[in-house]
Amino acid sequence: MFLWNWILPEVAHAGKLNYWQALGLLVLCRLLFGNFNKGGHGGHNGFRERARSMRAKWETMNDEERAKFKEEYKRRCGGWRHHRNKE
């Protein structure tokens, strides 16, 4: 709340927040972006675990499986970069 009230009214011409508005914004952000299950389990460990799992999976793939994975990745994610560069 203090950070919002210090920066955004001047920079983005946003109104100041009271305590209840700040709490509502926090809940809304957590609903939209997750983090309710973060708890006290070490912060970003969930991301690290997923990254380790993906690395282990990648290392066990053969060349054909890796090529298939790369093609699927390009199909799902590569188009966005291509589309963005056209604009």
N, C-alpha and C. Protein backbone atom coordinates (compact mmCIF):
# COMPACT_ATOMS: atom_id res chain seq x y z
N MET A 1 0.83 -1.18 0.00
CA MET A 1 0.00 0.00 0.00
C MET A 1 0.88 1.25 0.00
N PHE A 2 1.92 1.27 0.86
CA PHE A 2 2.77 2.45 0.93
C PHE A 2 3.54 2.66 -0.37
N LEU A 3 4.02 1.57 -0.97
CA LEU A 3 4.74 1.67 -2.23
C LEU A 3 3.83 2.21 -3.32
N TRP A 4 2.62 1.68 -3.40
CA TRP A 4 1.62 2.16 -4.37
C TRP A 4 1.40 3.66 -4.17
N ASN A 5 1.10 4.06 -2.93
CA ASN A 5 0.78 5.46 -2.64
C ASN A 5 1.98 6.39 -2.83
N TRP A 6 3.18 5.85 -2.76
CA TRP A 6 4.37 6.66 -2.93
C TRP A 6 4.67 6.89 -4.41
N ILE A 7 4.48 5.83 -5.25
CA ILE A 7 4.91 5.91 -6.64
C ILE A 7 3.77 6.20 -7.62
N LEU A 8 2.71 5.42 -7.58
CA LEU A 8 1.72 5.47 -8.65
C LEU A 8 0.89 6.74 -8.77
N PRO A 9 0.52 7.42 -7.70
CA PRO A 9 -0.26 8.65 -7.92
C PRO A 9 0.48 9.67 -8.78
N GLU A 10 1.79 9.78 -8.60
CA GLU A 10 2.55 10.75 -9.38
C GLU A 10 2.89 10.23 -10.77
N VAL A 11 3.30 8.96 -10.86
CA VAL A 11 3.76 8.41 -12.14
C VAL A 11 2.59 8.07 -13.07
N ALA A 12 1.57 7.39 -12.55
CA ALA A 12 0.48 6.90 -13.40
C ALA A 12 -0.84 7.62 -13.12
N HIS A 13 -0.80 8.65 -12.32
CA HIS A 13 -2.00 9.41 -11.96
C HIS A 13 -3.09 8.51 -11.39
N ALA A 14 -2.67 7.51 -10.64
CA ALA A 14 -3.60 6.60 -9.97
C ALA A 14 -3.95 7.19 -8.60
N GLY A 15 -5.12 6.84 -8.11
CA GLY A 15 -5.52 7.31 -6.80
C GLY A 15 -4.77 6.59 -5.70
N LYS A 16 -4.81 7.17 -4.50
CA LYS A 16 -4.17 6.52 -3.35
C LYS A 16 -5.06 5.40 -2.85
N LEU A 17 -4.44 4.38 -2.25
CA LEU A 17 -5.16 3.24 -1.71
C LEU A 17 -5.28 3.35 -0.21
N ASN A 18 -6.41 2.88 0.32
CA ASN A 18 -6.51 2.71 1.77
C ASN A 18 -6.19 1.25 2.09
N TYR A 19 -6.20 0.89 3.34
CA TYR A 19 -5.83 -0.46 3.76
C TYR A 19 -6.70 -1.52 3.09
N TRP A 20 -8.01 -1.32 3.08
CA TRP A 20 -8.92 -2.35 2.55
C TRP A 20 -8.79 -2.48 1.04
N GLN A 21 -8.55 -1.38 0.34
CA GLN A 21 -8.32 -1.46 -1.10
C GLN A 21 -7.03 -2.21 -1.40
N ALA A 22 -6.00 -1.95 -0.60
CA ALA A 22 -4.72 -2.65 -0.79
C ALA A 22 -4.89 -4.15 -0.54
N LEU A 23 -5.65 -4.49 0.49
CA LEU A 23 -5.90 -5.91 0.78
C LEU A 23 -6.67 -6.55 -0.36
N GLY A 24 -7.69 -5.87 -0.88
CA GLY A 24 -8.45 -6.38 -2.02
C GLY A 24 -7.59 -6.55 -3.25
N LEU A 25 -6.69 -5.61 -3.50
CA LEU A 25 -5.77 -5.72 -4.63
C LEU A 25 -4.83 -6.90 -4.47
N LEU A 26 -4.35 -7.12 -3.26
CA LEU A 26 -3.49 -8.27 -2.98
C LEU A 26 -4.23 -9.58 -3.27
N VAL A 27 -5.45 -9.69 -2.79
CA VAL A 27 -6.23 -10.90 -3.02
C VAL A 27 -6.49 -11.09 -4.52
N LEU A 28 -6.85 -10.03 -5.22
CA LEU A 28 -7.09 -10.11 -6.65
C LEU A 28 -5.84 -10.57 -7.40
N CYS A 29 -4.69 -9.99 -7.05
CA CYS A 29 -3.43 -10.39 -7.71
C CYS A 29 -3.09 -11.85 -7.43
N ARG A 30 -3.32 -12.28 -6.22
CA ARG A 30 -3.02 -13.68 -5.89
C ARG A 30 -3.97 -14.62 -6.62
N LEU A 31 -5.22 -14.21 -6.78
CA LEU A 31 -6.16 -15.04 -7.53
C LEU A 31 -5.76 -15.12 -9.00
N LEU A 32 -5.36 -13.99 -9.55
CA LEU A 32 -5.01 -13.95 -10.97
C LEU A 32 -3.66 -14.59 -11.27
N PHE A 33 -2.68 -14.40 -10.37
CA PHE A 33 -1.33 -14.84 -10.66
C PHE A 33 -0.84 -15.98 -9.78
N GLY A 34 -1.67 -16.49 -8.90
CA GLY A 34 -1.27 -17.62 -8.05
C GLY A 34 -0.60 -17.18 -6.77
N ASN A 35 0.17 -18.04 -6.18
CA ASN A 35 0.95 -17.81 -4.96
C ASN A 35 0.18 -18.02 -3.67
N PHE A 36 -1.06 -18.48 -3.70
CA PHE A 36 -1.73 -18.76 -2.45
C PHE A 36 -1.13 -19.98 -1.77
N ASN A 37 -0.55 -20.90 -2.55
CA ASN A 37 0.01 -22.13 -1.98
C ASN A 37 1.49 -22.00 -1.66
N LYS A 38 2.04 -20.81 -1.71
CA LYS A 38 3.47 -20.62 -1.49
C LYS A 38 3.90 -21.06 -0.10
N GLY A 39 3.19 -20.60 0.90
CA GLY A 39 3.48 -21.02 2.27
C GLY A 39 4.92 -20.73 2.68
N GLY A 40 5.45 -21.48 3.61
CA GLY A 40 6.80 -21.28 4.09
C GLY A 40 7.75 -22.32 3.56
N HIS A 41 7.56 -22.74 2.34
CA HIS A 41 8.37 -23.83 1.78
C HIS A 41 9.52 -23.35 0.92
N GLY A 42 10.07 -22.18 1.22
CA GLY A 42 11.30 -21.77 0.55
C GLY A 42 11.13 -20.97 -0.72
N GLY A 43 10.06 -20.26 -0.91
CA GLY A 43 9.94 -19.34 -2.03
C GLY A 43 9.82 -19.98 -3.38
N HIS A 44 10.85 -19.85 -4.21
CA HIS A 44 10.79 -20.27 -5.61
C HIS A 44 11.18 -21.74 -5.81
N ASN A 45 11.17 -22.55 -4.77
CA ASN A 45 11.57 -23.94 -4.92
C ASN A 45 10.67 -24.71 -5.87
N GLY A 46 9.41 -24.34 -5.96
CA GLY A 46 8.51 -25.01 -6.89
C GLY A 46 9.00 -24.86 -8.32
N PHE A 47 9.44 -23.66 -8.68
CA PHE A 47 9.98 -23.43 -10.01
C PHE A 47 11.26 -24.24 -10.21
N ARG A 48 12.12 -24.23 -9.22
CA ARG A 48 13.37 -24.97 -9.33
C ARG A 48 13.13 -26.46 -9.49
N GLU A 49 12.17 -26.98 -8.75
CA GLU A 49 11.85 -28.41 -8.86
C GLU A 49 11.34 -28.75 -10.25
N ARG A 50 10.47 -27.91 -10.79
CA ARG A 50 9.96 -28.15 -12.15
C ARG A 50 11.08 -28.07 -13.16
N ALA A 51 12.01 -27.10 -12.97
CA ALA A 51 13.14 -26.96 -13.89
C ALA A 51 14.05 -28.19 -13.82
N ARG A 52 14.31 -28.66 -12.61
CA ARG A 52 15.14 -29.87 -12.45
C ARG A 52 14.46 -31.08 -13.10
N SER A 53 13.17 -31.18 -12.89
CA SER A 53 12.42 -32.29 -13.47
C SER A 53 12.49 -32.25 -15.00
N MET A 54 12.32 -31.05 -15.57
CA MET A 54 12.38 -30.92 -17.03
C MET A 54 13.79 -31.22 -17.53
N ARG A 55 14.81 -30.77 -16.80
CA ARG A 55 16.20 -31.06 -17.20
C ARG A 55 16.45 -32.56 -17.20
N ALA A 56 15.98 -33.26 -16.17
CA ALA A 56 16.16 -34.70 -16.08
C ALA A 56 15.44 -35.40 -17.23
N LYS A 57 14.24 -34.92 -17.54
CA LYS A 57 13.47 -35.51 -18.65
C LYS A 57 14.21 -35.29 -19.96
N TRP A 58 14.73 -34.08 -20.18
CA TRP A 58 15.46 -33.76 -21.40
C TRP A 58 16.68 -34.65 -21.55
N GLU A 59 17.40 -34.89 -20.46
CA GLU A 59 18.62 -35.69 -20.52
C GLU A 59 18.35 -37.16 -20.83
N THR A 60 17.15 -37.63 -20.53
CA THR A 60 16.82 -39.03 -20.83
C THR A 60 16.22 -39.20 -22.22
N MET A 61 15.93 -38.09 -22.92
CA MET A 61 15.37 -38.20 -24.28
C MET A 61 16.45 -38.56 -25.29
N ASN A 62 16.05 -39.32 -26.30
CA ASN A 62 16.98 -39.57 -27.40
C ASN A 62 16.84 -38.43 -28.42
N ASP A 63 17.66 -38.45 -29.47
CA ASP A 63 17.66 -37.35 -30.45
C ASP A 63 16.31 -37.17 -31.12
N GLU A 64 15.65 -38.26 -31.43
CA GLU A 64 14.34 -38.18 -32.08
C GLU A 64 13.30 -37.53 -31.16
N GLU A 65 13.32 -37.91 -29.89
CA GLU A 65 12.37 -37.32 -28.93
C GLU A 65 12.65 -35.84 -28.72
N ARG A 66 13.93 -35.47 -28.70
CA ARG A 66 14.28 -34.06 -28.55
C ARG A 66 13.81 -33.24 -29.76
N ALA A 67 14.01 -33.79 -30.95
CA ALA A 67 13.56 -33.10 -32.17
C ALA A 67 12.04 -32.91 -32.15
N LYS A 68 11.33 -33.95 -31.71
CA LYS A 68 9.87 -33.88 -31.61
C LYS A 68 9.45 -32.81 -30.61
N PHE A 69 10.14 -32.78 -29.47
CA PHE A 69 9.84 -31.79 -28.44
C PHE A 69 10.06 -30.38 -28.98
N LYS A 70 11.19 -30.18 -29.68
CA LYS A 70 11.50 -28.85 -30.22
C LYS A 70 10.44 -28.40 -31.23
N GLU A 71 10.00 -29.32 -32.07
CA GLU A 71 8.97 -28.99 -33.05
C GLU A 71 7.66 -28.61 -32.36
N GLU A 72 7.29 -29.36 -31.34
CA GLU A 72 6.07 -29.06 -30.60
C GLU A 72 6.19 -27.72 -29.89
N TYR A 73 7.36 -27.43 -29.34
CA TYR A 73 7.59 -26.15 -28.68
C TYR A 73 7.46 -25.00 -29.68
N LYS A 74 8.06 -25.15 -30.85
CA LYS A 74 7.96 -24.13 -31.89
C LYS A 74 6.51 -23.94 -32.31
N ARG A 75 5.77 -25.05 -32.42
CA ARG A 75 4.37 -24.96 -32.82
C ARG A 75 3.56 -24.20 -31.78
N ARG A 76 3.82 -24.46 -30.51
CA ARG A 76 3.04 -23.81 -29.45
C ARG A 76 3.53 -22.42 -29.12
N CYS A 77 4.84 -22.20 -29.10
CA CYS A 77 5.40 -20.95 -28.58
C CYS A 77 6.12 -20.11 -29.62
N GLY A 78 6.59 -20.72 -30.67
CA GLY A 78 7.39 -19.99 -31.66
C GLY A 78 6.60 -18.97 -32.45
N GLY A 79 5.32 -19.21 -32.64
CA GLY A 79 4.50 -18.30 -33.42
C GLY A 79 4.34 -16.94 -32.80
N TRP A 80 4.37 -16.86 -31.49
CA TRP A 80 4.20 -15.58 -30.81
C TRP A 80 5.36 -14.64 -31.15
N ARG A 81 6.57 -15.15 -31.10
CA ARG A 81 7.73 -14.32 -31.40
C ARG A 81 7.66 -13.86 -32.85
N HIS A 82 7.30 -14.76 -33.76
CA HIS A 82 7.20 -14.43 -35.17
C HIS A 82 6.13 -13.36 -35.39
N HIS A 83 4.99 -13.53 -34.73
CA HIS A 83 3.89 -12.58 -34.85
C HIS A 83 4.29 -11.21 -34.30
N ARG A 84 4.99 -11.19 -33.19
CA ARG A 84 5.42 -9.95 -32.55
C ARG A 84 6.36 -9.18 -33.47
N ASN A 85 7.24 -9.86 -34.17
CA ASN A 85 8.21 -9.19 -35.02
C ASN A 85 7.57 -8.58 -36.27
N LYS A 86 6.41 -9.07 -36.66
CA LYS A 86 5.72 -8.54 -37.84
C LYS A 86 5.17 -7.15 -37.57
N GLU A 87 4.86 -6.84 -36.32
CA GLU A 87 4.21 -5.56 -36.01
C GLU A 87 5.16 -4.40 -36.07
